[in-house]
């Protein structure tokens, strides 16, 4: 099993007008191709911010990058490193 840092969104994604609640994972790893539809296991270890609506795609992307920065910084603390050892 490979354990990779991930941030995710759970909600309706109002910017895109989704009609169904969804979980969208952003795995912080570079892959050579997309794997949409693949089955993955994940564990929610924290909360960063509420779901927001945006007036521009650029503002949404900026907040996602902030989420990634916060997620990486938080997941690299000793308190969270233990989860990587327990899962692997």
PDB file of N, CA and C in Angstrom:
ATOM      1  N   UNK A   1       0.847  -1.183   0.000  1.00  0.00           N
ATOM      2  CA  UNK A   1       0.000   0.000   0.000  1.00  0.00           C
ATOM      3  C   UNK A   1       0.889   1.242   0.000  1.00  0.00           C
ATOM      4  N   UNK A   2       0.511   2.216  -0.791  1.00  0.00           N
ATOM      5  CA  UNK A   2       1.217   3.493  -0.840  1.00  0.00           C
ATOM      6  C   UNK A   2       0.384   4.517  -0.088  1.00  0.00           C
ATOM      7  N   UNK A   3       1.006   5.249   0.810  1.00  0.00           N
ATOM      8  CA  UNK A   3       0.323   6.308   1.548  1.00  0.00           C
ATOM      9  C   UNK A   3       0.837   7.641   1.024  1.00  0.00           C
ATOM     10  N   UNK A   4      -0.082   8.468   0.526  1.00  0.00           N
ATOM     11  CA  UNK A   4       0.285   9.755  -0.049  1.00  0.00           C
ATOM     12  C   UNK A   4      -0.529  10.876   0.596  1.00  0.00           C
ATOM     13  N   UNK A   5       0.066  12.059   0.743  1.00  0.00           N
ATOM     14  CA  UNK A   5      -0.685  13.187   1.288  1.00  0.00           C
ATOM     15  C   UNK A   5      -1.786  13.611   0.322  1.00  0.00           C
ATOM     16  N   UNK A   6      -2.921  13.947   0.889  1.00  0.00           N
ATOM     17  CA  UNK A   6      -4.100  14.280   0.094  1.00  0.00           C
ATOM     18  C   UNK A   6      -4.912  15.367   0.787  1.00  0.00           C
ATOM     19  N   UNK A   7      -5.476  16.275   0.034  1.00  0.00           N
ATOM     20  CA  UNK A   7      -6.530  17.155   0.550  1.00  0.00           C
ATOM     21  C   UNK A   7      -7.786  16.794  -0.225  1.00  0.00           C
ATOM     22  N   UNK A   8      -8.936  17.034   0.383  1.00  0.00           N
ATOM     23  CA  UNK A   8     -10.166  16.658  -0.297  1.00  0.00           C
ATOM     24  C   UNK A   8     -11.267  17.646  -0.004  1.00  0.00           C
ATOM     25  N   UNK A   9     -12.248  17.591  -0.872  1.00  0.00           N
ATOM     26  CA  UNK A   9     -13.452  18.404  -0.717  1.00  0.00           C
ATOM     27  C   UNK A   9     -14.639  17.460  -0.625  1.00  0.00           C
ATOM     28  N   UNK A  10     -15.490  17.708   0.354  1.00  0.00           N
ATOM     29  CA  UNK A  10     -16.743  16.963   0.478  1.00  0.00           C
ATOM     30  C   UNK A  10     -17.863  17.992   0.381  1.00  0.00           C
ATOM     31  N   UNK A  11     -18.694  17.870  -0.629  1.00  0.00           N
ATOM     32  CA  UNK A  11     -19.781  18.841  -0.768  1.00  0.00           C
ATOM     33  C   UNK A  11     -20.341  18.880  -2.165  1.00  0.00           C
ATOM     34  N   UNK A  12     -20.969  20.004  -2.500  1.00  0.00           N
ATOM     35  CA  UNK A  12     -21.671  20.157  -3.772  1.00  0.00           C
ATOM     36  C   UNK A  12     -20.875  20.961  -4.792  1.00  0.00           C
ATOM     37  N   UNK A  13     -19.776  21.541  -4.383  1.00  0.00           N
ATOM     38  CA  UNK A  13     -18.957  22.363  -5.271  1.00  0.00           C
ATOM     39  C   UNK A  13     -19.824  23.396  -5.988  1.00  0.00           C
ATOM     40  N   UNK A  14     -20.309  24.399  -5.244  1.00  0.00           N
ATOM     41  CA  UNK A  14     -21.258  25.359  -5.809  1.00  0.00           C
ATOM     42  C   UNK A  14     -20.724  26.136  -7.010  1.00  0.00           C
ATOM     43  N   UNK A  15     -19.414  26.321  -7.113  1.00  0.00           N
ATOM     44  CA  UNK A  15     -18.857  27.045  -8.255  1.00  0.00           C
ATOM     45  C   UNK A  15     -19.232  26.369  -9.568  1.00  0.00           C
ATOM     46  N   UNK A  16     -19.260  25.037  -9.568  1.00  0.00           N
ATOM     47  CA  UNK A  16     -19.599  24.282 -10.777  1.00  0.00           C
ATOM     48  C   UNK A  16     -21.060  23.845 -10.811  1.00  0.00           C
ATOM     49  N   UNK A  17     -21.836  24.199  -9.795  1.00  0.00           N
ATOM     50  CA  UNK A  17     -23.265  23.914  -9.791  1.00  0.00           C
ATOM     51  C   UNK A  17     -23.613  22.438  -9.702  1.00  0.00           C
ATOM     52  N   UNK A  18     -22.780  21.652  -9.016  1.00  0.00           N
ATOM     53  CA  UNK A  18     -23.068  20.220  -8.880  1.00  0.00           C
ATOM     54  C   UNK A  18     -24.425  19.999  -8.228  1.00  0.00           C
ATOM     55  N   UNK A  19     -25.137  18.994  -8.680  1.00  0.00           N
ATOM     56  CA  UNK A  19     -26.452  18.649  -8.130  1.00  0.00           C
ATOM     57  C   UNK A  19     -26.357  17.558  -7.070  1.00  0.00           C
ATOM     58  N   UNK A  20     -25.235  16.856  -7.023  1.00  0.00           N
ATOM     59  CA  UNK A  20     -25.044  15.783  -6.048  1.00  0.00           C
ATOM     60  C   UNK A  20     -23.814  16.072  -5.198  1.00  0.00           C
ATOM     61  N   UNK A  21     -23.882  15.661  -3.960  1.00  0.00           N
ATOM     62  CA  UNK A  21     -22.742  15.780  -3.063  1.00  0.00           C
ATOM     63  C   UNK A  21     -21.657  14.824  -3.540  1.00  0.00           C
ATOM     64  N   UNK A  22     -20.419  15.267  -3.500  1.00  0.00           N
ATOM     65  CA  UNK A  22     -19.315  14.455  -3.997  1.00  0.00           C
ATOM     66  C   UNK A  22     -18.101  14.588  -3.093  1.00  0.00           C
ATOM     67  N   UNK A  23     -17.205  13.631  -3.215  1.00  0.00           N
ATOM     68  CA  UNK A  23     -15.898  13.692  -2.568  1.00  0.00           C
ATOM     69  C   UNK A  23     -14.871  13.818  -3.683  1.00  0.00           C
ATOM     70  N   UNK A  24     -14.072  14.870  -3.636  1.00  0.00           N
ATOM     71  CA  UNK A  24     -13.033  15.101  -4.641  1.00  0.00           C
ATOM     72  C   UNK A  24     -11.685  15.078  -3.949  1.00  0.00           C
ATOM     73  N   UNK A  25     -10.846  14.113  -4.306  1.00  0.00           N
ATOM     74  CA  UNK A  25      -9.518  13.990  -3.725  1.00  0.00           C
ATOM     75  C   UNK A  25      -8.491  14.705  -4.585  1.00  0.00           C
ATOM     76  N   UNK A  26      -7.566  15.389  -3.934  1.00  0.00           N
ATOM     77  CA  UNK A  26      -6.406  15.935  -4.625  1.00  0.00           C
ATOM     78  C   UNK A  26      -5.198  15.262  -3.985  1.00  0.00           C
ATOM     79  N   UNK A  27      -4.683  14.240  -4.657  1.00  0.00           N
ATOM     80  CA  UNK A  27      -3.532  13.505  -4.147  1.00  0.00           C
ATOM     81  C   UNK A  27      -2.281  14.286  -4.535  1.00  0.00           C
ATOM     82  N   UNK A  28      -1.474  14.614  -3.557  1.00  0.00           N
ATOM     83  CA  UNK A  28      -0.296  15.442  -3.785  1.00  0.00           C
ATOM     84  C   UNK A  28       0.876  14.566  -4.222  1.00  0.00           C
ATOM     85  N   UNK A  29       0.759  14.094  -5.460  1.00  0.00           N
ATOM     86  CA  UNK A  29       1.763  13.235  -6.078  1.00  0.00           C
ATOM     87  C   UNK A  29       1.609  13.381  -7.584  1.00  0.00           C
ATOM     88  N   UNK A  30       2.687  13.333  -8.302  1.00  0.00           N
ATOM     89  CA  UNK A  30       2.635  13.467  -9.751  1.00  0.00           C
ATOM     90  C   UNK A  30       2.494  12.090 -10.401  1.00  0.00           C
ATOM     91  N   UNK A  31       1.458  11.920 -11.207  1.00  0.00           N
ATOM     92  CA  UNK A  31       1.206  10.670 -11.926  1.00  0.00           C
ATOM     93  C   UNK A  31       1.346  10.915 -13.425  1.00  0.00           C
ATOM     94  N   UNK A  32       1.779   9.899 -14.190  1.00  0.00           N
ATOM     95  CA  UNK A  32       1.936  10.083 -15.638  1.00  0.00           C
ATOM     96  C   UNK A  32       0.607  10.197 -16.395  1.00  0.00           C
ATOM     97  N   UNK A  33      -0.503   9.727 -15.787  1.00  0.00           N
ATOM     98  CA  UNK A  33      -1.799   9.837 -16.447  1.00  0.00           C
ATOM     99  C   UNK A  33      -2.912   9.867 -15.399  1.00  0.00           C
ATOM    100  N   UNK A  34      -4.116  10.258 -15.819  1.00  0.00           N
ATOM    101  CA  UNK A  34      -5.270  10.314 -14.921  1.00  0.00           C
ATOM    102  C   UNK A  34      -5.746   8.912 -14.579  1.00  0.00           C
ATOM    103  N   UNK A  35      -6.373   8.784 -13.431  1.00  0.00           N
ATOM    104  CA  UNK A  35      -6.962   7.496 -13.057  1.00  0.00           C
ATOM    105  C   UNK A  35      -8.365   7.702 -12.499  1.00  0.00           C
ATOM    106  N   UNK A  36      -9.136   8.545 -13.171  1.00  0.00           N
ATOM    107  CA  UNK A  36     -10.518   8.792 -12.776  1.00  0.00           C
ATOM    108  C   UNK A  36     -11.285   7.477 -12.719  1.00  0.00           C
ATOM    109  N   UNK A  37     -12.099   7.324 -11.688  1.00  0.00           N
ATOM    110  CA  UNK A  37     -12.902   6.120 -11.529  1.00  0.00           C
ATOM    111  C   UNK A  37     -12.218   5.017 -10.754  1.00  0.00           C
ATOM    112  N   UNK A  38     -10.936   5.177 -10.430  1.00  0.00           N
ATOM    113  CA  UNK A  38     -10.227   4.157  -9.665  1.00  0.00           C
ATOM    114  C   UNK A  38     -10.721   4.133  -8.220  1.00  0.00           C
ATOM    115  N   UNK A  39     -10.660   2.979  -7.593  1.00  0.00           N
ATOM    116  CA  UNK A  39     -11.009   2.857  -6.179  1.00  0.00           C
ATOM    117  C   UNK A  39      -9.787   3.184  -5.334  1.00  0.00           C
ATOM    118  N   UNK A  40      -9.973   4.059  -4.355  1.00  0.00           N
ATOM    119  CA  UNK A  40      -8.896   4.414  -3.433  1.00  0.00           C
ATOM    120  C   UNK A  40      -9.454   4.401  -2.015  1.00  0.00           C
ATOM    121  N   UNK A  41      -8.593   4.110  -1.073  1.00  0.00           N
ATOM    122  CA  UNK A  41      -8.940   4.228   0.346  1.00  0.00           C
ATOM    123  C   UNK A  41      -8.321   5.511   0.862  1.00  0.00           C
ATOM    124  N   UNK A  42      -9.031   6.203   1.727  1.00  0.00           N
ATOM    125  CA  UNK A  42      -8.460   7.395   2.333  1.00  0.00           C
ATOM    126  C   UNK A  42      -8.988   7.551   3.747  1.00  0.00           C
ATOM    127  N   UNK A  43      -8.233   8.260   4.543  1.00  0.00           N
ATOM    128  CA  UNK A  43      -8.592   8.528   5.928  1.00  0.00           C
ATOM    129  C   UNK A  43      -8.620  10.034   6.131  1.00  0.00           C
ATOM    130  N   UNK A  44      -9.702  10.550   6.676  1.00  0.00           N
ATOM    131  CA  UNK A  44      -9.817  11.976   6.969  1.00  0.00           C
ATOM    132  C   UNK A  44      -9.188  12.217   8.340  1.00  0.00           C
ATOM    133  N   UNK A  45      -8.173  13.071   8.367  1.00  0.00           N
ATOM    134  CA  UNK A  45      -7.450  13.342   9.606  1.00  0.00           C
ATOM    135  C   UNK A  45      -7.649  14.760  10.122  1.00  0.00           C
ATOM    136  N   UNK A  46      -8.342  15.592   9.377  1.00  0.00           N
ATOM    137  CA  UNK A  46      -8.511  16.961   9.844  1.00  0.00           C
ATOM    138  C   UNK A  46      -9.451  17.754   8.953  1.00  0.00           C
ATOM    139  N   UNK A  47      -9.584  19.019   9.287  1.00  0.00           N
ATOM    140  CA  UNK A  47     -10.496  19.939   8.612  1.00  0.00           C
ATOM    141  C   UNK A  47      -9.746  21.241   8.389  1.00  0.00           C
ATOM    142  N   UNK A  48      -9.832  21.781   7.178  1.00  0.00           N
ATOM    143  CA  UNK A  48      -9.135  23.035   6.883  1.00  0.00           C
ATOM    144  C   UNK A  48     -10.104  24.212   6.818  1.00  0.00           C
ATOM    145  N   UNK A  49     -11.180  24.081   6.026  1.00  0.00           N
ATOM    146  CA  UNK A  49     -12.095  25.222   5.863  1.00  0.00           C
ATOM    147  C   UNK A  49     -13.455  24.748   5.355  1.00  0.00           C
ATOM    148  N   UNK A  50     -14.470  25.608   5.450  1.00  0.00           N
ATOM    149  CA  UNK A  50     -15.784  25.231   4.909  1.00  0.00           C
ATOM    150  C   UNK A  50     -15.789  25.316   3.382  1.00  0.00           C
ATOM    151  N   UNK A  51     -16.794  24.693   2.784  1.00  0.00           N
ATOM    152  CA  UNK A  51     -16.991  24.800   1.340  1.00  0.00           C
ATOM    153  C   UNK A  51     -17.455  26.221   1.022  1.00  0.00           C
ATOM    154  N   UNK A  52     -16.879  26.808  -0.002  1.00  0.00           N
ATOM    155  CA  UNK A  52     -17.208  28.175  -0.382  1.00  0.00           C
ATOM    156  C   UNK A  52     -17.620  28.225  -1.845  1.00  0.00           C
ATOM    157  N   UNK A  53     -18.339  29.288  -2.209  1.00  0.00           N
ATOM    158  CA  UNK A  53     -18.610  29.543  -3.617  1.00  0.00           C
ATOM    159  C   UNK A  53     -17.639  30.643  -4.058  1.00  0.00           C
ATOM    160  N   UNK A  54     -17.266  30.628  -5.311  1.00  0.00           N
ATOM    161  CA  UNK A  54     -16.270  31.575  -5.814  1.00  0.00           C
ATOM    162  C   UNK A  54     -16.831  32.324  -7.000  1.00  0.00           C
ATOM    163  N   UNK A  55     -16.320  33.541  -7.186  1.00  0.00           N
ATOM    164  CA  UNK A  55     -16.750  34.337  -8.337  1.00  0.00           C
ATOM    165  C   UNK A  55     -15.866  34.069  -9.544  1.00  0.00           C
ATOM    166  N   UNK A  56     -14.651  33.542  -9.311  1.00  0.00           N
ATOM    167  CA  UNK A  56     -13.755  33.232 -10.425  1.00  0.00           C
ATOM    168  C   UNK A  56     -13.070  31.881 -10.181  1.00  0.00           C
ATOM    169  N   UNK A  57     -12.714  31.241 -11.273  1.00  0.00           N
ATOM    170  CA  UNK A  57     -11.970  29.979 -11.198  1.00  0.00           C
ATOM    171  C   UNK A  57     -10.598  30.219 -10.565  1.00  0.00           C
ATOM    172  N   UNK A  58     -10.003  31.364 -10.840  1.00  0.00           N
ATOM    173  CA  UNK A  58      -8.693  31.696 -10.288  1.00  0.00           C
ATOM    174  C   UNK A  58      -8.730  31.765  -8.764  1.00  0.00           C
ATOM    175  N   UNK A  59      -9.801  32.318  -8.196  1.00  0.00           N
ATOM    176  CA  UNK A  59      -9.942  32.389  -6.740  1.00  0.00           C
ATOM    177  C   UNK A  59     -10.080  30.992  -6.149  1.00  0.00           C
ATOM    178  N   UNK A  60     -10.825  30.123  -6.823  1.00  0.00           N
ATOM    179  CA  UNK A  60     -10.962  28.735  -6.386  1.00  0.00           C
ATOM    180  C   UNK A  60      -9.604  28.038  -6.405  1.00  0.00           C
ATOM    181  N   UNK A  61      -8.869  28.187  -7.485  1.00  0.00           N
ATOM    182  CA  UNK A  61      -7.545  27.558  -7.600  1.00  0.00           C
ATOM    183  C   UNK A  61      -6.605  28.079  -6.520  1.00  0.00           C
ATOM    184  N   UNK A  62      -6.664  29.371  -6.232  1.00  0.00           N
ATOM    185  CA  UNK A  62      -5.807  29.960  -5.189  1.00  0.00           C
ATOM    186  C   UNK A  62      -6.111  29.332  -3.833  1.00  0.00           C
ATOM    187  N   UNK A  63      -7.384  29.161  -3.499  1.00  0.00           N
ATOM    188  CA  UNK A  63      -7.737  28.545  -2.212  1.00  0.00           C
ATOM    189  C   UNK A  63      -7.351  27.068  -2.176  1.00  0.00           C
ATOM    190  N   UNK A  64      -7.481  26.367  -3.291  1.00  0.00           N
ATOM    191  CA  UNK A  64      -7.050  24.966  -3.326  1.00  0.00           C
ATOM    192  C   UNK A  64      -5.548  24.887  -3.074  1.00  0.00           C
ATOM    193  N   UNK A  65      -4.773  25.795  -3.658  1.00  0.00           N
ATOM    194  CA  UNK A  65      -3.323  25.794  -3.410  1.00  0.00           C
ATOM    195  C   UNK A  65      -3.023  26.095  -1.947  1.00  0.00           C
ATOM    196  N   UNK A  66      -3.782  26.997  -1.345  1.00  0.00           N
ATOM    197  CA  UNK A  66      -3.615  27.269   0.086  1.00  0.00           C
ATOM    198  C   UNK A  66      -3.936  26.021   0.901  1.00  0.00           C
ATOM    199  N   UNK A  67      -5.003  25.306   0.533  1.00  0.00           N
ATOM    200  CA  UNK A  67      -5.350  24.048   1.208  1.00  0.00           C
ATOM    201  C   UNK A  67      -4.199  23.047   1.101  1.00  0.00           C
ATOM    202  N   UNK A  68      -3.601  22.941  -0.081  1.00  0.00           N
ATOM    203  CA  UNK A  68      -2.476  22.028  -0.289  1.00  0.00           C
ATOM    204  C   UNK A  68      -1.306  22.412   0.602  1.00  0.00           C
ATOM    205  N   UNK A  69      -0.979  23.692   0.647  1.00  0.00           N
ATOM    206  CA  UNK A  69       0.125  24.164   1.489  1.00  0.00           C
ATOM    207  C   UNK A  69      -0.122  23.841   2.958  1.00  0.00           C
ATOM    208  N   UNK A  70      -1.333  24.109   3.432  1.00  0.00           N
ATOM    209  CA  UNK A  70      -1.693  23.821   4.823  1.00  0.00           C
ATOM    210  C   UNK A  70      -1.648  22.315   5.069  1.00  0.00           C
ATOM    211  N   UNK A  71      -2.206  21.533   4.146  1.00  0.00           N
ATOM    212  CA  UNK A  71      -2.222  20.084   4.290  1.00  0.00           C
ATOM    213  C   UNK A  71      -0.828  19.498   4.370  1.00  0.00           C
ATOM    214  N   UNK A  72       0.058  19.905   3.461  1.00  0.00           N
ATOM    215  CA  UNK A  72       1.425  19.381   3.476  1.00  0.00           C
ATOM    216  C   UNK A  72       2.157  19.751   4.759  1.00  0.00           C
ATOM    217  N   UNK A  73       2.010  20.994   5.176  1.00  0.00           N
ATOM    218  CA  UNK A  73       2.678  21.440   6.412  1.00  0.00           C
ATOM    219  C   UNK A  73       2.157  20.657   7.616  1.00  0.00           C
ATOM    220  N   UNK A  74       0.852  20.492   7.699  1.00  0.00           N
ATOM    221  CA  UNK A  74       0.244  19.792   8.829  1.00  0.00           C
ATOM    222  C   UNK A  74       0.590  18.310   8.825  1.00  0.00           C
ATOM    223  N   UNK A  75       0.515  17.667   7.662  1.00  0.00           N
ATOM    224  CA  UNK A  75       0.779  16.230   7.586  1.00  0.00           C
ATOM    225  C   UNK A  75       2.242  15.880   7.844  1.00  0.00           C
ATOM    226  N   UNK A  76       3.133  16.867   7.772  1.00  0.00           N
ATOM    227  CA  UNK A  76       4.549  16.626   8.045  1.00  0.00           C
ATOM    228  C   UNK A  76       4.937  16.906   9.491  1.00  0.00           C
ATOM    229  N   UNK A  77       3.958  17.079  10.365  1.00  0.00           N
ATOM    230  CA  UNK A  77       4.252  17.246  11.788  1.00  0.00           C
ATOM    231  C   UNK A  77       4.278  15.879  12.459  1.00  0.00           C
ATOM    232  N   UNK A  78       4.981  15.760  13.582  1.00  0.00           N
ATOM    233  CA  UNK A  78       5.055  14.464  14.273  1.00  0.00           C
ATOM    234  C   UNK A  78       3.685  13.884  14.633  1.00  0.00           C
ATOM    235  N   UNK A  79       2.723  14.748  14.927  1.00  0.00           N
ATOM    236  CA  UNK A  79       1.391  14.276  15.307  1.00  0.00           C
ATOM    237  C   UNK A  79       0.713  13.495  14.171  1.00  0.00           C
ATOM    238  N   UNK A  80       0.998  13.849  12.948  1.00  0.00           N
ATOM    239  CA  UNK A  80       0.380  13.182  11.795  1.00  0.00           C
ATOM    240  C   UNK A  80       1.280  12.134  11.163  1.00  0.00           C
ATOM    241  N   UNK A  81       2.584  12.252  11.323  1.00  0.00           N
ATOM    242  CA  UNK A  81       3.500  11.267  10.770  1.00  0.00           C
ATOM    243  C   UNK A  81       3.195   9.864  11.272  1.00  0.00           C
ATOM    244  N   UNK A  82       2.694   9.766  12.504  1.00  0.00           N
ATOM    245  CA  UNK A  82       2.405   8.443  13.074  1.00  0.00           C
ATOM    246  C   UNK A  82       1.341   7.702  12.267  1.00  0.00           C
ATOM    247  N   UNK A  83       0.417   8.424  11.635  1.00  0.00           N
ATOM    248  CA  UNK A  83      -0.621   7.759  10.855  1.00  0.00           C
ATOM    249  C   UNK A  83      -0.020   7.067   9.627  1.00  0.00           C
ATOM    250  N   UNK A  84       0.984   7.687   9.022  1.00  0.00           N
ATOM    251  CA  UNK A  84       1.633   7.089   7.877  1.00  0.00           C
ATOM    252  C   UNK A  84       2.276   5.755   8.291  1.00  0.00           C
ATOM    253  N   UNK A  85       2.901   5.719   9.439  1.00  0.00           N
ATOM    254  CA  UNK A  85       3.545   4.495   9.921  1.00  0.00           C
ATOM    255  C   UNK A  85       2.513   3.429  10.253  1.00  0.00           C
ATOM    256  N   UNK A  86       1.365   3.796  10.807  1.00  0.00           N
ATOM    257  CA  UNK A  86       0.334   2.832  11.191  1.00  0.00           C
ATOM    258  C   UNK A  86      -0.340   2.206   9.970  1.00  0.00           C
ATOM    259  N   UNK A  87      -0.493   2.974   8.890  1.00  0.00           N
ATOM    260  CA  UNK A  87      -1.208   2.490   7.725  1.00  0.00           C
ATOM    261  C   UNK A  87      -0.299   1.645   6.826  1.00  0.00           C
ATOM    262  N   UNK A  88       0.938   2.070   6.684  1.00  0.00           N
ATOM    263  CA  UNK A  88       1.846   1.403   5.735  1.00  0.00           C
ATOM    264  C   UNK A  88       2.224   0.003   6.159  1.00  0.00           C
TER     265      UNK A  88
END
